[in-house]
Amino acid sequence: MAMDRRNYRQLVDTTVEIANKVGVADIVGRIVEDLKDESEPYRRMVMETIEKVVAKLGVSDIDAHLEELLIDGSLYAFQE
């Protein structure tokens, strides 16, 4: 899925719209662990999704634990 650009874009856009309805913390909380996936294209897609969700909706819903997971996942994704 992450390799196919058309599906990639649709998945990211759909996830952003779902986050718009249910909230940032719910969506980011579900996908943050995917930042540690083996597949680099998938990690990139997850990072772009989180970036777009946060840019559109802000970070007010994100608690300290989720913030830690985001930082940890981001560091892992960029170190690989």
PDB file of N, CA and C in Angstrom:
ATOM      1  N   MET A   1       0.829  -1.191   0.000  1.00  0.00           N
ATOM      2  CA  MET A   1       0.000   0.000   0.000  1.00  0.00           C
ATOM      3  C   MET A   1       0.876   1.258   0.000  1.00  0.00           C
ATOM      4  N   ALA A   2       1.927   1.265   0.777  1.00  0.00           N
ATOM      5  CA  ALA A   2       2.771   2.457   0.871  1.00  0.00           C
ATOM      6  C   ALA A   2       3.553   2.707  -0.406  1.00  0.00           C
ATOM      7  N   MET A   3       3.693   1.676  -1.226  1.00  0.00           N
ATOM      8  CA  MET A   3       4.454   1.830  -2.463  1.00  0.00           C
ATOM      9  C   MET A   3       3.600   2.397  -3.604  1.00  0.00           C
ATOM     10  N   ASP A   4       2.315   2.212  -3.546  1.00  0.00           N
ATOM     11  CA  ASP A   4       1.412   2.681  -4.591  1.00  0.00           C
ATOM     12  C   ASP A   4       0.977   4.111  -4.255  1.00  0.00           C
ATOM     13  N   ARG A   5       1.427   5.083  -5.041  1.00  0.00           N
ATOM     14  CA  ARG A   5       1.216   6.499  -4.727  1.00  0.00           C
ATOM     15  C   ARG A   5      -0.260   6.892  -4.638  1.00  0.00           C
ATOM     16  N   ARG A   6      -1.110   6.318  -5.511  1.00  0.00           N
ATOM     17  CA  ARG A   6      -2.514   6.695  -5.495  1.00  0.00           C
ATOM     18  C   ARG A   6      -3.187   6.226  -4.200  1.00  0.00           C
ATOM     19  N   ASN A   7      -2.954   4.986  -3.842  1.00  0.00           N
ATOM     20  CA  ASN A   7      -3.516   4.466  -2.594  1.00  0.00           C
ATOM     21  C   ASN A   7      -2.902   5.159  -1.385  1.00  0.00           C
ATOM     22  N   TYR A   8      -1.626   5.446  -1.469  1.00  0.00           N
ATOM     23  CA  TYR A   8      -0.902   6.140  -0.403  1.00  0.00           C
ATOM     24  C   TYR A   8      -1.601   7.455  -0.086  1.00  0.00           C
ATOM     25  N   ARG A   9      -1.831   8.256  -1.123  1.00  0.00           N
ATOM     26  CA  ARG A   9      -2.458   9.568  -0.950  1.00  0.00           C
ATOM     27  C   ARG A   9      -3.868   9.429  -0.389  1.00  0.00           C
ATOM     28  N   GLN A  10      -4.643   8.484  -0.911  1.00  0.00           N
ATOM     29  CA  GLN A  10      -6.013   8.288  -0.441  1.00  0.00           C
ATOM     30  C   GLN A  10      -6.037   7.852   1.012  1.00  0.00           C
ATOM     31  N   LEU A  11      -5.123   6.977   1.393  1.00  0.00           N
ATOM     32  CA  LEU A  11      -5.070   6.502   2.773  1.00  0.00           C
ATOM     33  C   LEU A  11      -4.710   7.633   3.726  1.00  0.00           C
ATOM     34  N   VAL A  12      -3.727   8.433   3.364  1.00  0.00           N
ATOM     35  CA  VAL A  12      -3.335   9.566   4.213  1.00  0.00           C
ATOM     36  C   VAL A  12      -4.496  10.552   4.346  1.00  0.00           C
ATOM     37  N   ASP A  13      -5.119  10.914   3.236  1.00  0.00           N
ATOM     38  CA  ASP A  13      -6.225  11.875   3.270  1.00  0.00           C
ATOM     39  C   ASP A  13      -7.417  11.342   4.064  1.00  0.00           C
ATOM     40  N   THR A  14      -7.725  10.064   3.897  1.00  0.00           N
ATOM     41  CA  THR A  14      -8.835   9.464   4.627  1.00  0.00           C
ATOM     42  C   THR A  14      -8.553   9.439   6.121  1.00  0.00           C
ATOM     43  N   THR A  15      -7.338   9.103   6.499  1.00  0.00           N
ATOM     44  CA  THR A  15      -6.971   9.076   7.918  1.00  0.00           C
ATOM     45  C   THR A  15      -7.061  10.468   8.532  1.00  0.00           C
ATOM     46  N   VAL A  16      -6.666  11.486   7.785  1.00  0.00           N
ATOM     47  CA  VAL A  16      -6.775  12.867   8.273  1.00  0.00           C
ATOM     48  C   VAL A  16      -8.244  13.230   8.492  1.00  0.00           C
ATOM     49  N   GLU A  17      -9.113  12.837   7.594  1.00  0.00           N
ATOM     50  CA  GLU A  17     -10.541  13.135   7.743  1.00  0.00           C
ATOM     51  C   GLU A  17     -11.156  12.372   8.909  1.00  0.00           C
ATOM     52  N   ILE A  18     -10.733  11.133   9.121  1.00  0.00           N
ATOM     53  CA  ILE A  18     -11.223  10.376  10.278  1.00  0.00           C
ATOM     54  C   ILE A  18     -10.764  11.052  11.564  1.00  0.00           C
ATOM     55  N   ALA A  19      -9.520  11.504  11.595  1.00  0.00           N
ATOM     56  CA  ALA A  19      -9.006  12.211  12.775  1.00  0.00           C
ATOM     57  C   ALA A  19      -9.797  13.487  13.024  1.00  0.00           C
ATOM     58  N   ASN A  20     -10.240  14.114  11.967  1.00  0.00           N
ATOM     59  CA  ASN A  20     -11.049  15.322  12.088  1.00  0.00           C
ATOM     60  C   ASN A  20     -12.355  15.029  12.828  1.00  0.00           C
ATOM     61  N   LYS A  21     -12.885  13.827  12.649  1.00  0.00           N
ATOM     62  CA  LYS A  21     -14.148  13.453  13.283  1.00  0.00           C
ATOM     63  C   LYS A  21     -13.970  12.868  14.686  1.00  0.00           C
ATOM     64  N   VAL A  22     -12.944  12.038  14.885  1.00  0.00           N
ATOM     65  CA  VAL A  22     -12.809  11.349  16.173  1.00  0.00           C
ATOM     66  C   VAL A  22     -11.755  11.943  17.095  1.00  0.00           C
ATOM     67  N   GLY A  23     -10.858  12.753  16.575  1.00  0.00           N
ATOM     68  CA  GLY A  23      -9.858  13.392  17.418  1.00  0.00           C
ATOM     69  C   GLY A  23      -8.438  12.940  17.116  1.00  0.00           C
ATOM     70  N   VAL A  24      -7.532  13.826  17.387  1.00  0.00           N
ATOM     71  CA  VAL A  24      -6.114  13.607  17.102  1.00  0.00           C
ATOM     72  C   VAL A  24      -5.558  12.451  17.928  1.00  0.00           C
ATOM     73  N   ALA A  25      -5.823  12.452  19.227  1.00  0.00           N
ATOM     74  CA  ALA A  25      -5.219  11.463  20.119  1.00  0.00           C
ATOM     75  C   ALA A  25      -5.623  10.046  19.739  1.00  0.00           C
ATOM     76  N   ASP A  26      -6.862   9.843  19.352  1.00  0.00           N
ATOM     77  CA  ASP A  26      -7.317   8.496  18.988  1.00  0.00           C
ATOM     78  C   ASP A  26      -6.574   7.965  17.769  1.00  0.00           C
ATOM     79  N   ILE A  27      -6.473   8.766  16.741  1.00  0.00           N
ATOM     80  CA  ILE A  27      -5.828   8.317  15.504  1.00  0.00           C
ATOM     81  C   ILE A  27      -4.320   8.196  15.687  1.00  0.00           C
ATOM     82  N   VAL A  28      -3.704   9.208  16.240  1.00  0.00           N
ATOM     83  CA  VAL A  28      -2.251   9.165  16.423  1.00  0.00           C
ATOM     84  C   VAL A  28      -1.881   8.037  17.377  1.00  0.00           C
ATOM     85  N   GLY A  29      -2.686   7.821  18.404  1.00  0.00           N
ATOM     86  CA  GLY A  29      -2.432   6.733  19.347  1.00  0.00           C
ATOM     87  C   GLY A  29      -2.449   5.370  18.688  1.00  0.00           C
ATOM     88  N   ARG A  30      -3.275   5.219  17.669  1.00  0.00           N
ATOM     89  CA  ARG A  30      -3.367   3.931  16.971  1.00  0.00           C
ATOM     90  C   ARG A  30      -2.238   3.708  15.982  1.00  0.00           C
ATOM     91  N   ILE A  31      -1.694   4.768  15.409  1.00  0.00           N
ATOM     92  CA  ILE A  31      -0.682   4.570  14.362  1.00  0.00           C
ATOM     93  C   ILE A  31       0.748   4.884  14.806  1.00  0.00           C
ATOM     94  N   VAL A  32       0.923   5.407  16.012  1.00  0.00           N
ATOM     95  CA  VAL A  32       2.261   5.830  16.446  1.00  0.00           C
ATOM     96  C   VAL A  32       3.243   4.651  16.501  1.00  0.00           C
ATOM     97  N   GLU A  33       2.780   3.474  16.869  1.00  0.00           N
ATOM     98  CA  GLU A  33       3.680   2.315  16.949  1.00  0.00           C
ATOM     99  C   GLU A  33       4.165   1.883  15.564  1.00  0.00           C
ATOM    100  N   ASP A  34       3.424   2.263  14.532  1.00  0.00           N
ATOM    101  CA  ASP A  34       3.822   1.905  13.172  1.00  0.00           C
ATOM    102  C   ASP A  34       5.051   2.674  12.704  1.00  0.00           C
ATOM    103  N   LEU A  35       5.478   3.671  13.469  1.00  0.00           N
ATOM    104  CA  LEU A  35       6.716   4.375  13.137  1.00  0.00           C
ATOM    105  C   LEU A  35       7.929   3.465  13.304  1.00  0.00           C
ATOM    106  N   LYS A  36       7.749   2.334  13.982  1.00  0.00           N
ATOM    107  CA  LYS A  36       8.847   1.387  14.195  1.00  0.00           C
ATOM    108  C   LYS A  36       8.742   0.171  13.269  1.00  0.00           C
ATOM    109  N   ASP A  37       7.931   0.275  12.249  1.00  0.00           N
ATOM    110  CA  ASP A  37       7.761  -0.819  11.294  1.00  0.00           C
ATOM    111  C   ASP A  37       9.043  -1.030  10.489  1.00  0.00           C
ATOM    112  N   GLU A  38       9.231  -2.232   9.989  1.00  0.00           N
ATOM    113  CA  GLU A  38      10.429  -2.548   9.204  1.00  0.00           C
ATOM    114  C   GLU A  38      10.453  -1.845   7.851  1.00  0.00           C
ATOM    115  N   SER A  39       9.292  -1.601   7.283  1.00  0.00           N
ATOM    116  CA  SER A  39       9.199  -1.031   5.943  1.00  0.00           C
ATOM    117  C   SER A  39       9.372   0.488   5.972  1.00  0.00           C
ATOM    118  N   GLU A  40      10.422   0.973   5.322  1.00  0.00           N
ATOM    119  CA  GLU A  40      10.669   2.406   5.300  1.00  0.00           C
ATOM    120  C   GLU A  40       9.560   3.197   4.594  1.00  0.00           C
ATOM    121  N   PRO A  41       9.060   2.735   3.446  1.00  0.00           N
ATOM    122  CA  PRO A  41       7.954   3.484   2.814  1.00  0.00           C
ATOM    123  C   PRO A  41       6.720   3.572   3.717  1.00  0.00           C
ATOM    124  N   TYR A  42       6.452   2.516   4.469  1.00  0.00           N
ATOM    125  CA  TYR A  42       5.312   2.537   5.386  1.00  0.00           C
ATOM    126  C   TYR A  42       5.552   3.519   6.529  1.00  0.00           C
ATOM    127  N   ARG A  43       6.772   3.513   7.078  1.00  0.00           N
ATOM    128  CA  ARG A  43       7.099   4.477   8.148  1.00  0.00           C
ATOM    129  C   ARG A  43       6.955   5.908   7.640  1.00  0.00           C
ATOM    130  N   ARG A  44       7.389   6.144   6.400  1.00  0.00           N
ATOM    131  CA  ARG A  44       7.263   7.471   5.811  1.00  0.00           C
ATOM    132  C   ARG A  44       5.796   7.881   5.687  1.00  0.00           C
ATOM    133  N   MET A  45       4.963   6.936   5.281  1.00  0.00           N
ATOM    134  CA  MET A  45       3.540   7.205   5.135  1.00  0.00           C
ATOM    135  C   MET A  45       2.909   7.521   6.495  1.00  0.00           C
ATOM    136  N   VAL A  46       3.278   6.765   7.514  1.00  0.00           N
ATOM    137  CA  VAL A  46       2.759   7.011   8.864  1.00  0.00           C
ATOM    138  C   VAL A  46       3.200   8.386   9.356  1.00  0.00           C
ATOM    139  N   MET A  47       4.466   8.726   9.127  1.00  0.00           N
ATOM    140  CA  MET A  47       4.974  10.028   9.559  1.00  0.00           C
ATOM    141  C   MET A  47       4.247  11.160   8.843  1.00  0.00           C
ATOM    142  N   GLU A  48       4.019  11.012   7.555  1.00  0.00           N
ATOM    143  CA  GLU A  48       3.290  12.038   6.810  1.00  0.00           C
ATOM    144  C   GLU A  48       1.857  12.172   7.317  1.00  0.00           C
ATOM    145  N   THR A  49       1.240  11.058   7.636  1.00  0.00           N
ATOM    146  CA  THR A  49      -0.128  11.083   8.163  1.00  0.00           C
ATOM    147  C   THR A  49      -0.174  11.827   9.490  1.00  0.00           C
ATOM    148  N   ILE A  50       0.731  11.494  10.383  1.00  0.00           N
ATOM    149  CA  ILE A  50       0.770  12.164  11.689  1.00  0.00           C
ATOM    150  C   ILE A  50       1.036  13.653  11.493  1.00  0.00           C
ATOM    151  N   GLU A  51       1.962  13.980  10.610  1.00  0.00           N
ATOM    152  CA  GLU A  51       2.285  15.378  10.338  1.00  0.00           C
ATOM    153  C   GLU A  51       1.051  16.150   9.852  1.00  0.00           C
ATOM    154  N   LYS A  52       0.308  15.560   8.923  1.00  0.00           N
ATOM    155  CA  LYS A  52      -0.873  16.244   8.389  1.00  0.00           C
ATOM    156  C   LYS A  52      -1.986  16.359   9.426  1.00  0.00           C
ATOM    157  N   VAL A  53      -2.181  15.319  10.224  1.00  0.00           N
ATOM    158  CA  VAL A  53      -3.207  15.352  11.268  1.00  0.00           C
ATOM    159  C   VAL A  53      -2.891  16.457  12.273  1.00  0.00           C
ATOM    160  N   VAL A  54      -1.648  16.521  12.713  1.00  0.00           N
ATOM    161  CA  VAL A  54      -1.240  17.523  13.702  1.00  0.00           C
ATOM    162  C   VAL A  54      -1.298  18.930  13.101  1.00  0.00           C
ATOM    163  N   ALA A  55      -0.893  19.075  11.849  1.00  0.00           N
ATOM    164  CA  ALA A  55      -0.927  20.393  11.207  1.00  0.00           C
ATOM    165  C   ALA A  55      -2.364  20.895  11.069  1.00  0.00           C
ATOM    166  N   LYS A  56      -3.280  19.993  10.774  1.00  0.00           N
ATOM    167  CA  LYS A  56      -4.674  20.396  10.564  1.00  0.00           C
ATOM    168  C   LYS A  56      -5.429  20.599  11.877  1.00  0.00           C
ATOM    169  N   LEU A  57      -5.157  19.734  12.879  1.00  0.00           N
ATOM    170  CA  LEU A  57      -5.992  19.728  14.083  1.00  0.00           C
ATOM    171  C   LEU A  57      -5.276  20.158  15.363  1.00  0.00           C
ATOM    172  N   GLY A  58      -3.972  20.265  15.331  1.00  0.00           N
ATOM    173  CA  GLY A  58      -3.240  20.701  16.513  1.00  0.00           C
ATOM    174  C   GLY A  58      -2.881  19.549  17.433  1.00  0.00           C
ATOM    175  N   VAL A  59      -2.250  19.883  18.548  1.00  0.00           N
ATOM    176  CA  VAL A  59      -1.749  18.868  19.477  1.00  0.00           C
ATOM    177  C   VAL A  59      -2.398  18.937  20.852  1.00  0.00           C
ATOM    178  N   SER A  60      -3.491  19.636  20.973  1.00  0.00           N
ATOM    179  CA  SER A  60      -4.100  19.818  22.290  1.00  0.00           C
ATOM    180  C   SER A  60      -4.602  18.516  22.908  1.00  0.00           C
ATOM    181  N   ASP A  61      -4.943  17.519  22.094  1.00  0.00           N
ATOM    182  CA  ASP A  61      -5.439  16.234  22.608  1.00  0.00           C
ATOM    183  C   ASP A  61      -4.325  15.287  23.036  1.00  0.00           C
ATOM    184  N   ILE A  62      -3.098  15.570  22.638  1.00  0.00           N
ATOM    185  CA  ILE A  62      -1.996  14.636  22.864  1.00  0.00           C
ATOM    186  C   ILE A  62      -1.480  14.784  24.290  1.00  0.00           C
ATOM    187  N   ASP A  63      -1.503  13.660  25.042  1.00  0.00           N
ATOM    188  CA  ASP A  63      -1.024  13.686  26.425  1.00  0.00           C
ATOM    189  C   ASP A  63       0.483  13.382  26.471  1.00  0.00           C
ATOM    190  N   ALA A  64       1.048  13.395  27.666  1.00  0.00           N
ATOM    191  CA  ALA A  64       2.493  13.233  27.824  1.00  0.00           C
ATOM    192  C   ALA A  64       2.966  11.857  27.354  1.00  0.00           C
ATOM    193  N   HIS A  65       2.195  10.818  27.628  1.00  0.00           N
ATOM    194  CA  HIS A  65       2.594   9.469  27.222  1.00  0.00           C
ATOM    195  C   HIS A  65       2.617   9.337  25.699  1.00  0.00           C
ATOM    196  N   LEU A  66       1.594   9.845  25.048  1.00  0.00           N
ATOM    197  CA  LEU A  66       1.539   9.797  23.594  1.00  0.00           C
ATOM    198  C   LEU A  66       2.650  10.646  22.984  1.00  0.00           C
ATOM    199  N   GLU A  67       2.966  11.743  23.626  1.00  0.00           N
ATOM    200  CA  GLU A  67       4.073  12.591  23.168  1.00  0.00           C
ATOM    201  C   GLU A  67       5.391  11.825  23.228  1.00  0.00           C
ATOM    202  N   GLU A  68       5.597  11.074  24.315  1.00  0.00           N
ATOM    203  CA  GLU A  68       6.796  10.246  24.442  1.00  0.00           C
ATOM    204  C   GLU A  68       6.877   9.213  23.331  1.00  0.00           C
ATOM    205  N   LEU A  69       5.739   8.550  23.063  1.00  0.00           N
ATOM    206  CA  LEU A  69       5.705   7.547  21.997  1.00  0.00           C
ATOM    207  C   LEU A  69       6.011   8.170  20.637  1.00  0.00           C
ATOM    208  N   LEU A  70       5.509   9.375  20.401  1.00  0.00           N
ATOM    209  CA  LEU A  70       5.772  10.070  19.143  1.00  0.00           C
ATOM    210  C   LEU A  70       7.249  10.392  18.975  1.00  0.00           C
ATOM    211  N   ILE A  71       7.842  10.899  20.021  1.00  0.00           N
ATOM    212  CA  ILE A  71       9.266  11.244  19.965  1.00  0.00           C
ATOM    213  C   ILE A  71      10.102   9.991  19.769  1.00  0.00           C
ATOM    214  N   ASP A  72       9.783   8.936  20.517  1.00  0.00           N
ATOM    215  CA  ASP A  72      10.513   7.674  20.400  1.00  0.00           C
ATOM    216  C   ASP A  72      10.381   7.088  18.994  1.00  0.00           C
ATOM    217  N   GLY A  73       9.168   7.064  18.478  1.00  0.00           N
ATOM    218  CA  GLY A  73       8.936   6.536  17.142  1.00  0.00           C
ATOM    219  C   GLY A  73       9.607   7.366  16.066  1.00  0.00           C
ATOM    220  N   SER A  74       9.577   8.680  16.237  1.00  0.00           N
ATOM    221  CA  SER A  74      10.218   9.569  15.259  1.00  0.00           C
ATOM    222  C   SER A  74      11.727   9.351  15.245  1.00  0.00           C
ATOM    223  N   LEU A  75      12.317   9.253  16.399  1.00  0.00           N
ATOM    224  CA  LEU A  75      13.761   9.007  16.470  1.00  0.00           C
ATOM    225  C   LEU A  75      14.122   7.676  15.822  1.00  0.00           C
ATOM    226  N   TYR A  76      13.324   6.662  16.099  1.00  0.00           N
ATOM    227  CA  TYR A  76      13.584   5.341  15.503  1.00  0.00           C
ATOM    228  C   TYR A  76      13.465   5.417  13.980  1.00  0.00           C
ATOM    229  N   ALA A  77      12.412   6.062  13.505  1.00  0.00           N
ATOM    230  CA  ALA A  77      12.164   6.140  12.061  1.00  0.00           C
ATOM    231  C   ALA A  77      13.298   6.866  11.343  1.00  0.00           C
ATOM    232  N   PHE A  78      13.827   7.920  11.940  1.00  0.00           N
ATOM    233  CA  PHE A  78      14.879   8.678  11.281  1.00  0.00           C
ATOM    234  C   PHE A  78      16.261   8.058  11.452  1.00  0.00           C
ATOM    235  N   GLN A  79      16.436   7.206  12.454  1.00  0.00           N
ATOM    236  CA  GLN A  79      17.722   6.544  12.634  1.00  0.00           C
ATOM    237  C   GLN A  79      17.894   5.399  11.646  1.00  0.00           C
ATOM    238  N   GLU A  80      16.806   4.787  11.243  1.00  0.00           N
ATOM    239  CA  GLU A  80      16.874   3.637  10.330  1.00  0.00           C
ATOM    240  C   GLU A  80      17.282   4.037   8.961  1.00  0.00           C
TER     241      GLU A  80
END
